Amino acid sequence: MNDSWYRASVANAPERASVQGELRADVCVVGAGFTGLSAVLELAEAGLRVVVLEAEQVGWGCSGRNGGQINPGLACDHGRTVAELGAEDARKVWQLTLDGVALLRNRVAQHAIDCDLKAGILLVANKPRHVPELQQWQQQLQGLGYDQLEYHSRDSLHHLLRADYQAGVMDWGGGDLHPLKYAQGLARAAEAAGAQIFEHSAVQDYVDAGAGVRVRTAQGSVQAEHLLLAGNAYLGKLLPWYRKGFMPIGSYIGATRPLGELASQLIPSRAAVCDMNTLIDYYRLSADGRLLFGGRASARDAQPDALRTTMRQRMSQVFPALAEEDFEYLWGGQVAMTLSKAPVFGRLGKRTLYAQGYSGQGVALAGMAGKLMAQTVLGEAAGFDLLARARHWPVPPGAPLQTAIRALALLWYRLQDSR
C-alpha cells in the first residue's frame, strides 16, 4: 500500500546503483531518510568520506510518505521533558527543536530544494475539554519565549478553517512541505558535497572490529571509522531489541483529486492542520489543491477496502462537503512511536550511534537528529548526549507480543478519544 501521491508527483527520480565489492569510508550511514541524509550532508560538507546504504530508495520509508507537517518541539509535552531533564536542559532541548525547523528552512534555501514549503500549522481542539489544554500549551510555549502562536476562538477559527472545532492555535513557526521532494533534495545536496549513496543495499549485519566497523550487504561491504544507524522504524534487527525503545505503528494518508476552488473554501488559510485527539487526524492541501488526509493508526497492516472506508468516513466527518469524494491515492507506512513520545538517542560502543522514535513529529526533528549525530562524529557531542539522557522502556522481543501490546495501546487511546 505504498502507491503514494508523493512518488507519483515526483518526475525523473534518479535510480542509484547498489553497493558492489568493498568500500572504505570515514562514516557509513544506514538509511537514506531525513535523519541519515541530514547527517550525511553535514559530514560531507565537513570533508569526510561518507557512504550511505539504503535498503530501498531515497525517502522510501517514513521520510517520503509522511504528512509533511513541520512542528517545533518534541511529540511529548514540554513538562515531561522538564521532569526528565530539569528546566534548564529542557529549555535547551526546546531550542534544539527550533534549530531543527530553522535548519530545514535554511537547507531548502541554500540548496534550492523545490519542495512546496510553506508556513503555518493549526492545532485544533476537538472537544470542549481540549480548549483549556490548548490554552495551557500556548502559554507554556510563550513562557519559553516562543512568539509565533495565535489563539483563535471557535468563531474566528472559521476564517482559517471551515470545519467544526472548538478552538485553534495557529503556529506560524511551523508549516508543511512535500517530504519526498525534500528528501531527494537533501540527497542531491549530499552527493554534490561528495557523499556516495547506494540504493537497494540492505544491510545484513555489522561488526565492530576494534579498528573500525565493517558493514555488510548481500553484494558488498563498507569498512568505516563510524557507523550511524538512521533507519528509524525500518532498522529491523540491526539494533538489539532492548535498545530500540519504540514500536512501529501503522499510519495512513489519502490524497483526493485536485479540488479546485473548493480547496480554498475548506481551508482558507491553506495551513496544515492537526487535531488534539490521541489518535490524531492531520491534513493539508497540496500545491495542486488535493486534500491530503492522514491518520488511522493501526497495530498491523490495515486491509485496503476497510481502510479506504474508514479514511473516507473520517474525512467526511471533518468536511461534510467531501462525503462523496474518494481518494485517488492511498498509502501507509510505519511510524516509530515511543511510550513517552520522546525520541531515542544512543550509542553502541564507541563507533556506532543511533537516533529514532520521533513519534510522528520527525520532519524537522529527524533533520536535527542527523546533524547532532554528525556533530558527535566531529567531536561535538553535547546536543546528542543531552537527548540520549532520556529514559525509555525497552521494547519486548517478538512480533506477536509487540502486535498485542500495540493493539491494547491503540484501544486505550480510542477509549480516551471517545470521552
Protein backbone atom coordinates (compact mmCIF):
# COMPACT_ATOMS: atom_id res chain seq x y z
CA MET A 1 0.00 0.00 0.00
CA ASN A 2 2.76 2.39 -0.98
CA ASP A 3 1.23 3.92 -4.12
CA SER A 4 1.68 7.42 -2.77
CA TRP A 5 0.80 10.67 -4.45
CA TYR A 6 4.24 11.89 -3.36
CA ARG A 7 6.04 9.35 -5.50
CA ALA A 8 3.61 9.79 -8.39
CA SER A 9 4.14 13.57 -8.32
CA VAL A 10 7.94 13.41 -8.49
CA ALA A 11 9.21 13.14 -12.04
CA ASN A 12 12.54 11.62 -13.03
CA ALA A 13 13.68 10.49 -9.59
CA PRO A 14 17.22 9.16 -10.09
CA GLU A 15 17.97 5.47 -9.74
CA ARG A 16 21.15 4.80 -7.78
CA ALA A 17 23.26 1.68 -8.00
CA SER A 18 23.59 -0.91 -5.25
CA VAL A 19 26.90 -1.24 -3.47
CA GLN A 20 29.31 -3.72 -5.07
CA GLY A 21 32.55 -5.02 -3.60
CA GLU A 22 34.44 -3.47 -0.69
CA LEU A 23 34.47 0.25 0.06
CA ARG A 24 36.20 2.37 2.67
CA ALA A 25 34.82 5.48 4.31
CA ASP A 26 35.17 7.66 7.34
CA VAL A 27 31.46 7.19 8.11
CA CYS A 28 28.89 4.64 6.96
CA VAL A 29 25.24 5.69 7.31
CA VAL A 30 22.38 3.17 7.19
CA GLY A 31 19.19 4.75 5.87
CA ALA A 32 18.54 7.49 3.30
CA GLY A 33 15.71 9.31 5.06
CA PHE A 34 15.72 12.67 6.81
CA THR A 35 17.96 11.51 9.69
CA GLY A 36 20.58 9.80 7.56
CA LEU A 37 20.64 12.38 4.77
CA SER A 38 20.93 15.25 7.24
CA ALA A 39 23.92 13.58 8.89
CA VAL A 40 25.46 12.77 5.53
CA LEU A 41 25.17 16.33 4.26
CA GLU A 42 26.73 17.71 7.42
CA LEU A 43 29.62 15.23 7.33
CA ALA A 44 30.28 15.55 3.60
CA GLU A 45 30.37 19.33 3.87
CA ALA A 46 32.96 18.89 6.65
CA GLY A 47 35.15 16.96 4.21
CA LEU A 48 34.61 13.40 5.45
CA ARG A 49 34.20 10.40 3.14
CA VAL A 50 30.64 9.19 3.64
CA VAL A 51 28.85 6.13 2.25
CA VAL A 52 25.07 5.69 2.59
CA LEU A 53 23.43 2.26 2.40
CA GLU A 54 19.69 2.35 1.71
CA ALA A 55 17.68 -0.87 1.54
CA GLU A 56 15.15 0.58 -0.92
CA GLN A 57 15.29 4.09 -2.42
CA VAL A 58 15.97 7.57 -1.08
CA GLY A 59 12.95 8.60 1.00
CA TRP A 60 11.30 5.16 0.75
CA GLY A 61 10.39 4.99 4.45
CA CYS A 62 8.53 7.46 6.63
CA SER A 63 10.60 10.37 5.31
CA GLY A 64 8.98 10.04 1.89
CA ARG A 65 5.48 9.05 2.99
CA ASN A 66 4.60 11.25 5.98
CA GLY A 67 2.10 14.07 6.33
CA GLY A 68 4.71 16.71 5.59
CA GLN A 69 3.85 18.77 8.66
CA ILE A 70 6.63 20.80 10.28
CA ASN A 71 6.46 21.35 14.04
CA PRO A 72 8.90 22.68 16.60
CA GLY A 73 9.11 20.74 19.86
CA LEU A 74 9.03 17.05 20.68
CA ALA A 75 5.92 14.90 20.34
CA CYS A 76 5.78 14.70 24.14
CA ASP A 77 4.68 17.58 26.35
CA HIS A 78 7.40 20.03 27.39
CA GLY A 79 6.51 19.36 31.02
CA ARG A 80 7.61 15.77 30.62
CA THR A 81 10.97 16.94 29.32
CA VAL A 82 11.31 19.22 32.35
CA ALA A 83 10.53 16.32 34.70
CA GLU A 84 13.05 14.12 32.91
CA LEU A 85 15.95 16.54 32.37
CA GLY A 86 15.30 19.58 34.55
CA ALA A 87 14.10 23.02 33.46
CA GLU A 88 17.42 24.31 32.11
CA ASP A 89 18.19 21.28 29.95
CA ALA A 90 14.56 21.02 28.83
CA ARG A 91 14.85 24.57 27.52
CA LYS A 92 17.99 23.51 25.62
CA VAL A 93 16.03 20.65 24.06
CA TRP A 94 13.27 23.07 23.05
CA GLN A 95 15.88 25.30 21.43
CA LEU A 96 17.31 22.33 19.55
CA THR A 97 13.88 21.65 18.07
CA LEU A 98 13.58 25.31 16.99
CA ASP A 99 17.02 24.99 15.45
CA GLY A 100 15.74 21.90 13.61
CA VAL A 101 12.99 23.94 11.93
CA ALA A 102 15.50 26.67 11.05
CA LEU A 103 17.90 24.02 9.70
CA LEU A 104 15.19 22.69 7.39
CA ARG A 105 14.30 26.13 6.05
CA ASN A 106 17.96 27.08 5.60
CA ARG A 107 18.72 23.90 3.66
CA VAL A 108 15.73 24.42 1.38
CA ALA A 109 17.01 27.92 0.62
CA GLN A 110 20.73 27.10 0.42
CA HIS A 111 20.32 24.10 -1.86
CA ALA A 112 17.32 25.44 -3.84
CA ILE A 113 15.15 22.44 -2.94
CA ASP A 114 11.78 22.73 -4.66
CA CYS A 115 9.53 21.04 -2.08
CA ASP A 116 6.41 23.25 -1.84
CA LEU A 117 7.48 24.65 1.54
CA LYS A 118 5.00 27.00 3.19
CA ALA A 119 4.39 28.45 6.67
CA GLY A 120 1.54 27.91 9.12
CA ILE A 121 0.15 24.93 11.02
CA LEU A 122 -3.08 24.84 13.04
CA LEU A 123 -3.55 22.80 16.21
CA VAL A 124 -7.30 22.45 16.75
CA ALA A 125 -9.41 21.40 19.75
CA ASN A 126 -11.91 18.63 19.00
CA LYS A 127 -13.88 18.88 22.24
CA PRO A 128 -14.61 21.48 24.93
CA ARG A 129 -12.23 19.72 27.34
CA HIS A 130 -9.39 20.28 24.85
CA VAL A 131 -9.73 24.07 24.92
CA PRO A 132 -8.05 24.71 28.31
CA GLU A 133 -5.35 22.19 27.35
CA LEU A 134 -4.76 24.13 24.14
CA GLN A 135 -4.55 27.44 26.01
CA GLN A 136 -2.17 25.95 28.56
CA TRP A 137 0.06 24.65 25.76
CA GLN A 138 0.17 28.09 24.17
CA GLN A 139 1.01 29.75 27.49
CA GLN A 140 3.73 27.19 28.15
CA LEU A 141 5.47 27.86 24.84
CA GLN A 142 5.06 31.61 25.17
CA GLY A 143 6.77 31.26 28.55
CA LEU A 144 9.74 29.82 26.65
CA GLY A 145 9.85 32.97 24.53
CA TYR A 146 8.10 31.48 21.51
CA ASP A 147 6.06 34.26 19.89
CA GLN A 148 4.72 32.53 16.77
CA LEU A 149 1.35 31.43 18.20
CA GLU A 150 -2.09 32.96 17.56
CA TYR A 151 -5.14 31.79 19.51
CA HIS A 152 -8.47 31.59 17.67
CA SER A 153 -11.85 31.06 19.25
CA ARG A 154 -14.44 28.87 17.57
CA ASP A 155 -15.81 31.87 15.68
CA SER A 156 -12.51 33.33 14.47
CA LEU A 157 -11.15 29.89 13.59
CA HIS A 158 -13.84 29.69 10.91
CA HIS A 159 -11.96 32.29 8.86
CA LEU A 160 -8.96 29.93 8.69
CA LEU A 161 -10.63 26.52 8.53
CA ARG A 162 -14.21 25.58 7.59
CA ALA A 163 -14.55 22.65 9.95
CA ASP A 164 -16.27 22.20 13.30
CA TYR A 165 -13.68 22.60 16.06
CA GLN A 166 -13.88 24.29 19.46
CA ALA A 167 -10.79 26.49 19.07
CA GLY A 168 -7.38 26.53 17.45
CA VAL A 169 -3.86 27.91 17.66
CA MET A 170 -2.03 28.92 14.52
CA ASP A 171 1.73 28.32 14.73
CA TRP A 172 3.44 30.48 12.14
CA GLY A 173 6.78 28.93 13.06
CA GLY A 174 5.62 25.58 11.68
CA GLY A 175 4.37 24.70 8.23
CA ASP A 176 4.39 21.91 5.68
CA LEU A 177 6.24 20.61 2.61
CA HIS A 178 6.39 17.79 0.07
CA PRO A 179 8.51 15.33 2.09
CA LEU A 180 9.78 13.17 -0.77
CA LYS A 181 10.90 16.19 -2.78
CA TYR A 182 12.72 17.42 0.32
CA ALA A 183 14.43 14.05 0.90
CA GLN A 184 15.57 13.88 -2.69
CA GLY A 185 16.84 17.45 -2.48
CA LEU A 186 18.93 16.55 0.57
CA ALA A 187 20.32 13.54 -1.29
CA ARG A 188 21.34 15.67 -4.28
CA ALA A 189 22.99 18.20 -1.98
CA ALA A 190 24.89 15.44 -0.13
CA GLU A 191 26.11 13.90 -3.40
CA ALA A 192 27.21 17.31 -4.63
CA ALA A 193 29.27 17.58 -1.43
CA GLY A 194 30.97 14.25 -2.19
CA ALA A 195 28.85 11.61 -0.43
CA GLN A 196 28.11 8.25 -2.07
CA ILE A 197 24.52 6.97 -1.81
CA PHE A 198 23.72 3.37 -2.69
CA GLU A 199 20.15 2.14 -3.05
CA HIS A 200 18.81 -1.44 -2.89
CA SER A 201 21.67 -2.19 -0.49
CA ALA A 202 20.05 -3.69 2.60
CA VAL A 203 22.48 -4.18 5.47
CA GLN A 204 22.70 -7.76 6.68
CA ASP A 205 24.92 -7.17 9.70
CA TYR A 206 27.86 -5.18 11.01
CA VAL A 207 30.87 -5.97 13.19
CA ASP A 208 32.87 -3.60 15.35
CA ALA A 209 36.33 -4.98 14.72
CA GLY A 210 38.16 -2.64 17.07
CA ALA A 211 39.96 -0.71 14.35
CA GLY A 212 36.67 0.14 12.66
CA VAL A 213 33.19 -1.06 11.77
CA ARG A 214 32.57 -3.47 8.87
CA VAL A 215 29.06 -3.22 7.42
CA ARG A 216 27.91 -6.00 5.09
CA THR A 217 25.25 -6.20 2.39
CA ALA A 218 24.45 -9.10 0.07
CA GLN A 219 26.87 -7.86 -2.60
CA GLY A 220 29.37 -5.67 -0.82
CA SER A 221 30.71 -4.19 2.37
CA VAL A 222 31.88 -0.89 3.83
CA GLN A 223 34.78 -0.50 6.24
CA ALA A 224 34.33 2.72 8.22
CA GLU A 225 35.54 4.53 11.30
CA HIS A 226 31.99 5.31 12.42
CA LEU A 227 28.52 3.86 11.82
CA LEU A 228 25.27 5.82 12.04
CA LEU A 229 22.06 3.79 12.22
CA ALA A 230 19.36 6.03 10.76
CA GLY A 231 16.66 3.57 9.64
CA ASN A 232 14.14 4.57 12.34
CA ALA A 233 11.12 2.21 12.16
CA TYR A 234 12.81 0.12 9.44
CA LEU A 235 16.05 -0.86 11.19
CA GLY A 236 14.85 -4.42 11.71
CA LYS A 237 17.38 -6.47 13.67
CA LEU A 238 20.27 -4.03 13.31
CA LEU A 239 19.62 -2.79 16.84
CA PRO A 240 19.27 -5.13 19.85
CA TRP A 241 15.62 -5.32 20.92
CA TYR A 242 16.39 -3.76 24.31
CA ARG A 243 17.89 -0.68 22.61
CA LYS A 244 15.04 0.16 20.27
CA GLY A 245 12.76 1.91 22.71
CA PHE A 246 9.93 2.15 20.16
CA MET A 247 7.34 0.09 18.38
CA PRO A 248 6.22 0.64 14.77
CA ILE A 249 2.65 1.88 14.38
CA GLY A 250 0.89 1.87 11.02
CA SER A 251 -0.24 5.29 9.79
CA TYR A 252 -2.07 6.08 6.56
CA ILE A 253 -2.71 9.00 4.20
CA GLY A 254 -5.15 9.51 1.35
CA ALA A 255 -4.99 12.08 -1.44
CA THR A 256 -8.15 13.29 -3.16
CA ARG A 257 -8.38 14.57 -6.71
CA PRO A 258 -7.42 18.26 -7.16
CA LEU A 259 -10.39 20.11 -5.61
CA GLY A 260 -10.09 23.43 -7.45
CA GLU A 261 -11.86 26.35 -5.75
CA LEU A 262 -13.30 24.01 -3.13
CA ALA A 263 -9.82 23.54 -1.63
CA SER A 264 -9.57 27.19 -0.54
CA GLN A 265 -13.16 27.15 0.66
CA LEU A 266 -12.37 24.26 3.02
CA ILE A 267 -9.08 25.68 4.31
CA PRO A 268 -9.00 29.43 3.51
CA SER A 269 -5.66 29.81 5.30
CA ARG A 270 -4.19 26.83 3.37
CA ALA A 271 -2.42 25.94 6.63
CA ALA A 272 -1.66 22.38 7.65
CA VAL A 273 -4.00 21.10 10.39
CA CYS A 274 -3.62 18.64 13.26
CA ASP A 275 -6.27 17.87 15.87
CA MET A 276 -5.86 17.17 19.60
CA ASN A 277 -7.10 13.60 19.81
CA THR A 278 -4.61 10.99 20.95
CA LEU A 279 -5.16 9.16 17.65
CA ILE A 280 -4.99 12.27 15.55
CA ASP A 281 -6.36 13.33 12.20
CA TYR A 282 -3.97 15.55 10.26
CA TYR A 283 -4.42 17.08 6.86
CA ARG A 284 -3.30 19.79 4.46
CA LEU A 285 -3.64 20.96 0.89
CA SER A 286 -1.09 20.01 -1.73
CA ALA A 287 0.30 22.54 -4.20
CA ASP A 288 -2.18 21.31 -6.82
CA GLY A 289 -5.19 21.57 -4.49
CA ARG A 290 -5.63 17.98 -3.30
CA LEU A 291 -6.61 17.30 0.29
CA LEU A 292 -4.00 15.03 1.88
CA PHE A 293 -5.80 13.45 4.82
CA GLY A 294 -3.93 11.27 7.33
CA GLY A 295 -4.47 9.25 10.46
CA ARG A 296 -6.00 5.81 11.15
CA ALA A 297 -3.25 4.35 13.34
CA SER A 298 -3.19 0.54 13.40
CA ALA A 299 -1.32 -2.24 15.17
CA ARG A 300 -0.91 -4.27 11.97
CA ASP A 301 -1.25 -3.64 8.25
CA ALA A 302 -4.78 -2.44 7.50
CA GLN A 303 -6.90 -4.16 4.88
CA PRO A 304 -7.21 -1.85 1.84
CA ASP A 305 -11.01 -1.89 1.47
CA ALA A 306 -11.67 -1.37 5.18
CA LEU A 307 -9.00 1.31 5.35
CA ARG A 308 -10.48 3.25 2.43
CA THR A 309 -13.94 3.14 4.01
CA THR A 310 -12.66 4.29 7.39
CA MET A 311 -10.50 7.06 5.98
CA ARG A 312 -13.35 8.40 3.84
CA GLN A 313 -15.65 8.39 6.85
CA ARG A 314 -13.12 10.34 8.93
CA MET A 315 -12.56 12.85 6.14
CA SER A 316 -16.30 13.41 5.65
CA GLN A 317 -16.77 13.90 9.40
CA VAL A 318 -14.32 16.80 9.21
CA PHE A 319 -15.53 18.09 5.84
CA PRO A 320 -19.14 17.00 5.07
CA ALA A 321 -18.78 18.59 1.62
CA LEU A 322 -16.37 15.75 0.76
CA ALA A 323 -18.77 12.94 1.67
CA GLU A 324 -18.87 11.74 -1.94
CA GLU A 325 -15.16 12.17 -2.59
CA ASP A 326 -12.83 9.18 -2.85
CA PHE A 327 -9.05 9.02 -2.69
CA GLU A 328 -7.04 8.84 -5.90
CA TYR A 329 -4.08 7.64 -3.84
CA LEU A 330 -3.99 5.82 -0.51
CA TRP A 331 -0.76 4.74 1.17
CA GLY A 332 0.76 3.94 4.53
CA GLY A 333 3.90 3.16 6.44
CA GLN A 334 5.41 2.64 9.86
CA VAL A 335 5.86 5.42 12.41
CA ALA A 336 8.32 4.74 15.24
CA MET A 337 6.37 5.53 18.43
CA THR A 338 7.87 5.56 21.91
CA LEU A 339 5.85 5.20 25.10
CA SER A 340 6.91 8.66 26.25
CA LYS A 341 6.72 10.19 22.73
CA ALA A 342 10.29 11.43 23.26
CA PRO A 343 12.91 10.33 20.69
CA VAL A 344 15.55 7.68 21.38
CA PHE A 345 19.24 8.60 21.02
CA GLY A 346 22.03 6.23 21.94
CA ARG A 347 25.42 4.63 21.35
CA LEU A 348 26.62 1.09 20.76
CA GLY A 349 30.25 1.08 21.84
CA LYS A 350 32.47 3.93 20.68
CA ARG A 351 31.77 3.82 16.95
CA THR A 352 28.02 3.36 16.45
CA LEU A 353 25.28 5.94 17.03
CA TYR A 354 21.53 5.73 16.51
CA ALA A 355 18.56 8.10 16.66
CA GLN A 356 14.90 7.18 16.16
CA GLY A 357 11.41 7.20 17.66
CA TYR A 358 10.25 10.68 16.64
CA SER A 359 6.65 9.61 17.33
CA GLY A 360 5.07 11.38 14.38
CA GLN A 361 6.98 14.65 14.70
CA GLY A 362 10.08 13.86 12.68
CA VAL A 363 10.00 16.19 9.68
CA ALA A 364 12.17 18.81 11.40
CA LEU A 365 13.32 16.76 14.40
CA ALA A 366 14.87 13.98 12.30
CA GLY A 367 16.97 16.52 10.43
CA MET A 368 18.30 17.90 13.70
CA ALA A 369 18.93 14.35 14.95
CA GLY A 370 21.08 13.70 11.90
CA LYS A 371 23.01 16.90 12.44
CA LEU A 372 23.59 16.01 16.11
CA MET A 373 24.94 12.59 15.12
CA ALA A 374 27.25 14.23 12.62
CA GLN A 375 28.44 16.73 15.20
CA THR A 376 29.17 13.84 17.58
CA VAL A 377 31.37 12.18 14.96
CA LEU A 378 33.12 15.54 14.52
CA GLY A 379 33.78 15.79 18.27
CA GLU A 380 30.87 17.95 19.46
CA ALA A 381 28.57 15.59 21.35
CA ALA A 382 26.75 17.93 23.78
CA GLY A 383 23.41 18.03 21.95
CA PHE A 384 23.35 14.31 21.19
CA ASP A 385 24.29 13.38 24.75
CA LEU A 386 21.60 15.67 26.15
CA LEU A 387 18.86 13.89 24.23
CA ALA A 388 20.43 10.49 24.98
CA ARG A 389 19.79 11.10 28.70
CA ALA A 390 16.06 10.49 28.27
CA ARG A 391 14.99 7.12 29.69
CA HIS A 392 12.89 4.68 27.68
CA TRP A 393 11.20 1.38 28.39
CA PRO A 394 12.71 -1.42 26.29
CA VAL A 395 10.51 -2.95 23.61
CA PRO A 396 9.71 -6.62 24.29
CA PRO A 397 11.11 -9.04 21.69
CA GLY A 398 8.87 -10.99 19.36
CA ALA A 399 6.44 -9.71 16.73
CA PRO A 400 3.27 -11.36 18.21
CA LEU A 401 3.82 -9.80 21.64
CA GLN A 402 4.59 -6.40 20.14
CA THR A 403 1.44 -6.55 17.98
CA ALA A 404 -0.68 -7.42 21.02
CA ILE A 405 0.78 -4.54 23.03
CA ARG A 406 0.24 -2.11 20.15
CA ALA A 407 -3.36 -3.25 19.79
CA LEU A 408 -4.05 -2.76 23.51
CA ALA A 409 -2.42 0.68 23.47
CA LEU A 410 -4.46 1.79 20.45
CA LEU A 411 -7.65 0.51 22.07
CA TRP A 412 -6.86 2.58 25.17
CA TYR A 413 -6.20 5.65 23.04
CA ARG A 414 -9.52 5.20 21.22
CA LEU A 415 -11.33 4.97 24.56
CA GLN A 416 -9.62 8.18 25.68
CA ASP A 417 -10.63 9.96 22.47
CA SER A 418 -14.25 8.84 22.86
CA ARG A 419 -14.68 10.72 26.14
